[in-house]
Amino acid sequence: MKKSLPLALLFLSTATLPGAEQRALTPMPAAVSGNAVASLHEGLDLFSMMGVGPRKTWDDVTARVYIMHVSSGKWSEGHPVPGVLGRINAAAASARNRLIVLMGGFMLDEQGNQRQVSDVNVYEATLHEWSRAKDLPFAVDSAIAGVMEDRYVYLIGGRSAAGPVNKVQIYDVQKNSWSQATPFPGTPVFGQAGGVADGNIVVIDGAQAGAAGGPRYVASSECWLGKIDRKHPDKIAWSKLPPHPGPARFGIASGGSDQYKEIFFSGGTATPHDYRGVAYDGQPAQVSGVTFQFDVHGHKWEVLGDNTYDLRGDGRGILITPYGPVVLGGMAENMAVTSHATLLPRKEGTFGK
């Protein structure tokens, strides 16, 4: 039975695919970028955690948590993430429909120096409490995350103190333990996009180290598919994927869905940039309007919209709701930090109406 959209959703425009509408949700209580995102209760509670505000300064980094209750369209403020300081570009994933695992990210000091942290925090929705879990073996920021079998949280790639990595770290929610999985064979990157869906991992693009004398980081165009061995979750068989729609990009918002067996992608910029939106090559960051998905069963890319409403040049994730994929906060087309929450275009016949 299809669900009705709450009245708080405003109908805005029509996507490229027939019948696929784009809608804006009630904005978050504050504008924030580099915020970790996750959902609980079958996509009806959406969480934005930490990040940096519009001033993009060390004292504008927050530990606050905002929660949207999709059924009412209203936001509330949750318990802040424990710790002295907030973090930027942490990763998050949900498990068992009641836990959020929040991992890594970096802290910012008064001089603008960044320090990756190994902190792992777990939010228990039934208790409305945070607890500290076992630290990351390798501290990273700007990684992607996904879950298999509601137990194994995969943290893929990211940037360490020494630079981009191609590590795949697995957190076992049941055992509160970390292990290392087969790394993806491509060039080490951070700010890449991808996700986990039905035992498949997709990793695309991101920023790789630039050549001597050039920009510090340049966009990577590599696309990888990983098949997880269900009996041995640390074993992943990797293979190359054909290029995705549009050019290589950095900071694409992305997220996977076991239910729909698809991984969604939207936005990003052609040139890698820092947390302030400043491109490493010194050129203005141009935001892509393409929203697309990878069908893990059909093994194919599909364009959902080539002129997406409310573009994001930097998104930490796409959340799957009963009404469609949603992106929260990040940086908008002019690289200004935004509070917008937006339903992305989706294929006709999927999700509720």
Protein backbone atom coordinates (compact mmCIF):
# COMPACT_ATOMS: atom_id res chain seq x y z
CA MET A 1 0.00 0.00 0.00
CA LYS A 2 1.46 3.35 -1.01
CA LYS A 3 1.78 6.08 1.57
CA SER A 4 0.68 9.69 1.26
CA LEU A 5 3.23 12.44 1.45
CA PRO A 6 2.97 14.72 4.50
CA LEU A 7 1.56 18.18 3.92
CA ALA A 8 4.93 19.68 4.84
CA LEU A 9 6.33 18.53 1.48
CA LEU A 10 6.19 21.23 -1.16
CA PHE A 11 5.84 20.18 -4.78
CA LEU A 12 8.42 22.09 -6.81
CA SER A 13 9.17 20.73 -10.27
CA THR A 14 9.19 17.72 -12.54
CA ALA A 15 12.24 15.53 -13.11
CA THR A 16 13.45 14.27 -16.47
CA LEU A 17 11.75 10.89 -16.17
CA PRO A 18 7.96 10.99 -16.73
CA GLY A 19 5.97 10.99 -13.50
CA ALA A 20 9.06 11.41 -11.31
CA GLU A 21 8.56 14.54 -9.23
CA GLN A 22 11.10 16.46 -7.19
CA ARG A 23 10.05 17.94 -3.87
CA ALA A 24 11.64 20.02 -1.13
CA LEU A 25 11.14 19.09 2.49
CA THR A 26 11.12 21.41 5.46
CA PRO A 27 14.66 22.85 5.81
CA MET A 28 16.90 21.78 8.66
CA PRO A 29 17.03 24.03 11.74
CA ALA A 30 20.48 25.24 10.67
CA ALA A 31 22.63 25.22 7.55
CA VAL A 32 25.42 22.65 7.79
CA SER A 33 27.91 20.97 5.47
CA GLY A 34 30.25 18.03 5.98
CA ASN A 35 27.45 16.56 8.10
CA ALA A 36 27.13 12.80 8.52
CA VAL A 37 23.67 11.44 7.68
CA ALA A 38 21.73 8.27 8.48
CA SER A 39 18.13 7.09 8.78
CA LEU A 40 16.15 4.88 11.14
CA HIS A 41 12.66 3.37 11.31
CA GLU A 42 12.53 2.39 7.64
CA GLY A 43 13.54 5.83 6.45
CA LEU A 44 10.98 7.77 8.48
CA ASP A 45 13.52 9.39 10.84
CA LEU A 46 16.38 11.20 9.11
CA PHE A 47 19.49 12.26 11.06
CA SER A 48 22.01 15.01 10.30
CA MET A 49 25.01 14.88 12.65
CA MET A 50 27.82 17.38 13.21
CA GLY A 51 29.44 19.31 10.32
CA VAL A 52 30.34 22.97 9.77
CA GLY A 53 28.09 26.02 9.45
CA PRO A 54 27.95 28.89 6.92
CA ARG A 55 31.05 30.71 8.23
CA LYS A 56 33.17 27.58 7.59
CA THR A 57 35.47 28.40 10.50
CA TRP A 58 36.81 26.28 13.37
CA ASP A 59 34.30 27.82 15.79
CA ASP A 60 31.41 27.05 13.42
CA VAL A 61 31.96 23.28 13.64
CA THR A 62 29.11 21.67 15.55
CA ALA A 63 28.30 18.47 17.42
CA ARG A 64 24.55 19.03 17.08
CA VAL A 65 22.14 16.39 15.82
CA TYR A 66 18.98 17.26 13.86
CA ILE A 67 16.23 14.71 13.27
CA MET A 68 13.46 14.95 10.69
CA HIS A 69 10.31 12.95 11.37
CA VAL A 70 9.17 12.41 7.80
CA SER A 71 5.61 11.45 8.69
CA SER A 72 5.03 14.96 10.11
CA GLY A 73 7.64 16.87 8.14
CA LYS A 74 8.96 18.37 11.38
CA TRP A 75 12.48 18.62 12.76
CA SER A 76 13.66 18.12 16.34
CA GLU A 77 17.08 18.37 17.96
CA GLY A 78 18.60 15.17 19.32
CA HIS A 79 21.31 14.61 21.88
CA PRO A 80 24.58 16.05 20.53
CA VAL A 81 27.43 13.72 19.63
CA PRO A 82 29.64 13.33 22.74
CA GLY A 83 33.05 14.95 22.74
CA VAL A 84 34.70 18.31 23.28
CA LEU A 85 34.49 19.33 19.62
CA GLY A 86 32.37 18.54 16.60
CA ARG A 87 33.75 16.93 13.45
CA ILE A 88 33.56 17.42 9.70
CA ASN A 89 33.15 14.73 7.03
CA ALA A 90 32.46 11.83 9.37
CA ALA A 91 30.63 8.81 7.96
CA ALA A 92 27.49 7.15 9.34
CA ALA A 93 25.38 4.06 8.75
CA SER A 94 22.38 2.50 10.46
CA ALA A 95 21.82 -1.10 11.55
CA ARG A 96 19.03 -3.11 13.13
CA ASN A 97 16.67 -0.18 12.53
CA ARG A 98 17.66 1.31 15.90
CA LEU A 99 21.43 1.91 15.80
CA ILE A 100 23.50 4.59 14.09
CA VAL A 101 27.25 4.03 13.83
CA LEU A 102 29.14 7.34 13.44
CA MET A 103 32.77 7.02 12.35
CA GLY A 104 35.85 9.18 11.96
CA GLY A 105 35.91 12.63 10.39
CA PHE A 106 38.30 15.44 11.19
CA MET A 107 38.56 18.18 13.80
CA LEU A 108 39.55 21.74 12.94
CA ASP A 109 41.73 24.01 15.09
CA GLU A 110 41.97 27.82 15.18
CA GLN A 111 44.70 27.83 12.53
CA GLY A 112 42.61 25.72 10.18
CA ASN A 113 44.66 22.58 10.71
CA GLN A 114 42.77 19.31 10.26
CA ARG A 115 43.21 16.22 12.39
CA GLN A 116 41.57 12.92 11.50
CA VAL A 117 40.05 11.11 14.49
CA SER A 118 39.43 7.44 15.18
CA ASP A 119 36.31 8.05 17.29
CA VAL A 120 33.33 5.73 16.76
CA ASN A 121 30.03 6.63 18.42
CA VAL A 122 26.88 4.52 18.44
CA TYR A 123 23.41 6.02 18.88
CA GLU A 124 20.77 3.73 20.41
CA ALA A 125 17.37 5.03 19.28
CA THR A 126 15.33 3.11 21.88
CA LEU A 127 17.35 4.75 24.67
CA HIS A 128 18.05 8.07 22.92
CA GLU A 129 21.66 7.70 24.06
CA TRP A 130 25.15 7.78 22.57
CA SER A 131 27.89 5.36 23.59
CA ARG A 132 31.53 5.02 22.59
CA ALA A 133 32.42 1.99 20.43
CA LYS A 134 35.80 0.56 19.58
CA ASP A 135 37.99 3.06 17.73
CA LEU A 136 38.73 2.89 14.02
CA PRO A 137 41.94 0.98 13.24
CA PHE A 138 42.79 3.68 10.66
CA ALA A 139 41.43 7.17 11.26
CA VAL A 140 39.88 8.64 8.09
CA ASP A 141 37.53 11.36 6.96
CA SER A 142 35.50 11.69 3.74
CA ALA A 143 34.88 7.93 3.42
CA ILE A 144 31.68 6.18 2.33
CA ALA A 145 29.73 3.72 4.44
CA GLY A 146 27.17 0.96 3.96
CA VAL A 147 25.76 -2.05 5.79
CA MET A 148 25.33 -5.72 4.98
CA GLU A 149 23.00 -8.13 6.80
CA ASP A 150 22.12 -5.43 9.35
CA ARG A 151 25.37 -6.27 11.13
CA TYR A 152 28.52 -5.44 9.15
CA VAL A 153 29.27 -1.75 8.58
CA TYR A 154 31.69 -1.13 5.71
CA LEU A 155 33.81 2.04 5.80
CA ILE A 156 35.40 2.46 2.37
CA GLY A 157 38.32 4.64 1.35
CA GLY A 158 38.72 8.13 2.78
CA ARG A 159 41.62 10.34 3.73
CA SER A 160 44.08 9.57 6.51
CA ALA A 161 46.78 11.85 7.94
CA ALA A 162 49.09 10.42 5.26
CA GLY A 163 46.65 10.98 2.37
CA PRO A 164 43.94 9.04 0.49
CA VAL A 165 43.55 5.30 1.18
CA ASN A 166 41.87 2.34 -0.52
CA LYS A 167 41.22 0.44 2.70
CA VAL A 168 37.91 -1.24 3.49
CA GLN A 169 37.31 -1.38 7.24
CA ILE A 170 34.46 -3.47 8.69
CA TYR A 171 32.73 -2.84 11.99
CA ASP A 172 30.82 -5.81 13.45
CA VAL A 173 27.90 -4.30 15.35
CA GLN A 174 27.29 -7.56 17.21
CA LYS A 175 30.88 -7.99 18.45
CA ASN A 176 31.95 -4.32 18.67
CA SER A 177 35.06 -5.21 16.69
CA TRP A 178 36.90 -4.05 13.56
CA SER A 179 38.51 -6.08 10.80
CA GLN A 180 40.08 -5.34 7.42
CA ALA A 181 38.43 -6.43 4.17
CA THR A 182 39.88 -6.78 0.69
CA PRO A 183 40.86 -3.22 -0.35
CA PHE A 184 39.46 -1.91 -3.60
CA PRO A 185 42.22 -2.25 -6.21
CA GLY A 186 41.98 1.24 -7.64
CA THR A 187 43.87 4.43 -6.90
CA PRO A 188 43.47 5.53 -3.26
CA VAL A 189 40.85 8.30 -3.08
CA PHE A 190 38.75 10.34 -0.67
CA GLY A 191 35.50 12.19 -1.20
CA GLN A 192 34.45 9.31 -3.44
CA ALA A 193 30.84 8.16 -3.84
CA GLY A 194 29.15 4.81 -3.56
CA GLY A 195 27.35 2.52 -1.20
CA VAL A 196 26.31 -1.02 -0.37
CA ALA A 197 23.21 -2.75 -1.76
CA ASP A 198 22.29 -6.44 -1.63
CA GLY A 199 25.85 -7.57 -0.97
CA ASN A 200 27.39 -5.31 -3.62
CA ILE A 201 29.71 -2.33 -3.09
CA VAL A 202 30.08 0.40 -5.69
CA VAL A 203 32.93 2.93 -5.44
CA ILE A 204 33.30 5.76 -7.96
CA ASP A 205 35.35 8.91 -8.51
CA GLY A 206 36.70 11.00 -5.61
CA ALA A 207 40.02 12.84 -5.31
CA GLN A 208 43.41 11.27 -5.86
CA ALA A 209 46.84 12.80 -5.27
CA GLY A 210 47.88 15.11 -8.11
CA ALA A 211 51.13 15.02 -10.05
CA ALA A 212 54.16 17.00 -8.87
CA GLY A 213 53.83 20.67 -9.77
CA GLY A 214 50.06 20.45 -10.29
CA PRO A 215 47.02 20.70 -8.01
CA ARG A 216 47.30 18.81 -4.73
CA TYR A 217 44.31 16.62 -5.65
CA VAL A 218 42.59 15.84 -8.94
CA ALA A 219 39.38 13.98 -9.76
CA SER A 220 39.53 10.23 -10.26
CA SER A 221 37.36 8.59 -12.93
CA GLU A 222 37.65 5.00 -11.68
CA CYS A 223 34.50 2.96 -11.02
CA TRP A 224 34.61 -0.32 -9.07
CA LEU A 225 32.14 -3.04 -8.15
CA GLY A 226 32.78 -5.29 -5.17
CA LYS A 227 30.94 -8.57 -4.55
CA ILE A 228 30.92 -9.41 -0.83
CA ASP A 229 31.32 -13.06 0.11
CA ARG A 230 28.31 -13.61 2.40
CA LYS A 231 30.06 -16.42 4.30
CA HIS A 232 33.24 -14.37 4.71
CA PRO A 233 32.27 -10.66 4.92
CA ASP A 234 35.93 -9.59 4.80
CA LYS A 235 36.41 -11.10 1.33
CA ILE A 236 35.40 -8.89 -1.58
CA ALA A 237 35.81 -9.73 -5.27
CA TRP A 238 36.45 -6.46 -7.12
CA SER A 239 35.96 -5.72 -10.80
CA LYS A 240 35.95 -2.57 -12.92
CA LEU A 241 32.70 -0.91 -13.91
CA PRO A 242 32.09 1.06 -17.12
CA PRO A 243 32.06 4.86 -16.71
CA HIS A 244 29.03 6.32 -15.00
CA PRO A 245 26.84 9.05 -16.60
CA GLY A 246 28.57 12.43 -16.70
CA PRO A 247 32.19 13.39 -15.98
CA ALA A 248 34.30 12.30 -13.01
CA ARG A 249 33.34 14.24 -9.91
CA PHE A 250 34.17 14.86 -6.27
CA GLY A 251 31.75 15.04 -3.34
CA ILE A 252 28.84 13.28 -5.05
CA ALA A 253 26.04 12.51 -2.59
CA SER A 254 25.35 8.78 -2.63
CA GLY A 255 23.63 5.94 -0.81
CA GLY A 256 22.56 2.34 -1.31
CA SER A 257 19.25 0.55 -0.83
CA ASP A 258 18.88 -3.17 -0.13
CA GLN A 259 15.14 -2.90 -0.73
CA TYR A 260 15.45 -1.43 -4.23
CA LYS A 261 18.83 -3.06 -4.95
CA GLU A 262 20.15 0.21 -6.28
CA ILE A 263 22.78 2.77 -5.34
CA PHE A 264 21.90 6.44 -5.91
CA PHE A 265 24.20 9.34 -6.87
CA SER A 266 23.62 13.09 -7.27
CA GLY A 267 25.61 16.31 -7.72
CA GLY A 268 29.29 16.78 -6.96
CA THR A 269 31.89 19.00 -8.64
CA ALA A 270 34.33 18.33 -11.46
CA THR A 271 37.23 19.67 -9.39
CA PRO A 272 38.01 18.42 -5.85
CA HIS A 273 37.61 21.03 -3.13
CA ASP A 274 38.18 21.45 0.59
CA TYR A 275 35.56 21.74 3.35
CA ARG A 276 35.14 25.45 2.51
CA GLY A 277 34.29 24.69 -1.11
CA VAL A 278 37.63 26.03 -2.39
CA ALA A 279 38.88 23.96 -5.33
CA TYR A 280 42.43 22.61 -5.12
CA ASP A 281 43.19 23.87 -8.64
CA GLY A 282 42.07 27.39 -7.78
CA GLN A 283 39.20 27.37 -10.28
CA PRO A 284 35.52 27.90 -9.39
CA ALA A 285 33.82 24.61 -8.54
CA GLN A 286 31.20 23.70 -11.14
CA VAL A 287 28.33 21.63 -9.78
CA SER A 288 26.86 18.77 -11.81
CA GLY A 289 23.09 18.52 -12.22
CA VAL A 290 23.10 14.79 -12.99
CA THR A 291 21.30 12.33 -10.69
CA PHE A 292 21.75 8.66 -11.56
CA GLN A 293 21.71 5.18 -10.07
CA PHE A 294 23.40 1.81 -10.44
CA ASP A 295 21.10 -1.20 -10.67
CA VAL A 296 23.10 -3.98 -9.00
CA HIS A 297 20.93 -6.77 -10.46
CA GLY A 298 20.72 -5.32 -13.95
CA HIS A 299 24.39 -4.31 -13.70
CA LYS A 300 23.73 -0.98 -15.41
CA TRP A 301 23.78 2.77 -14.90
CA GLU A 302 20.52 4.72 -15.26
CA VAL A 303 20.11 8.51 -15.47
CA LEU A 304 17.29 9.81 -13.26
CA GLY A 305 17.64 13.49 -14.07
CA ASP A 306 20.18 15.66 -15.88
CA ASN A 307 19.03 18.99 -14.46
CA THR A 308 18.38 18.16 -10.83
CA TYR A 309 16.60 20.77 -8.74
CA ASP A 310 18.55 22.24 -5.77
CA LEU A 311 22.00 20.99 -6.74
CA ARG A 312 24.60 19.95 -4.17
CA GLY A 313 28.29 20.42 -4.72
CA ASP A 314 29.10 18.49 -1.59
CA GLY A 315 26.87 15.86 0.02
CA ARG A 316 27.75 13.33 2.70
CA GLY A 317 25.08 10.84 1.73
CA ILE A 318 21.70 10.02 0.24
CA LEU A 319 19.05 8.61 2.56
CA ILE A 320 16.34 6.24 1.33
CA THR A 321 12.81 7.10 2.49
CA PRO A 322 9.41 5.62 1.51
CA TYR A 323 8.99 8.65 -0.77
CA GLY A 324 12.34 8.62 -2.50
CA PRO A 325 16.03 9.40 -2.00
CA VAL A 326 16.80 12.47 0.14
CA VAL A 327 19.88 14.68 0.54
CA LEU A 328 20.34 16.81 3.69
CA GLY A 329 22.45 19.97 3.87
CA GLY A 330 25.86 20.24 2.24
CA MET A 331 26.95 22.98 -0.14
CA ALA A 332 24.66 24.32 -2.84
CA GLU A 333 25.51 25.31 -6.41
CA ASN A 334 27.39 28.45 -5.31
CA MET A 335 29.22 26.37 -2.64
CA ALA A 336 27.30 28.13 0.13
CA VAL A 337 26.36 25.95 3.09
CA THR A 338 22.65 25.10 2.94
CA SER A 339 19.93 23.89 5.28
CA HIS A 340 17.87 22.43 2.43
CA ALA A 341 16.46 18.91 2.57
CA THR A 342 15.51 17.71 -0.91
CA LEU A 343 13.83 14.68 -2.42
CA LEU A 344 15.78 13.66 -5.51
CA PRO A 345 14.31 12.39 -8.78
CA ARG A 346 13.63 8.66 -8.93
CA LYS A 347 12.46 6.13 -11.49
CA GLU A 348 8.75 6.09 -12.25
CA GLY A 349 6.94 3.35 -10.33
CA THR A 350 9.39 3.22 -7.42
CA PHE A 351 8.77 4.52 -3.89
CA GLY A 352 5.48 5.93 -2.65
CA LYS A 353 3.49 8.75 -4.17
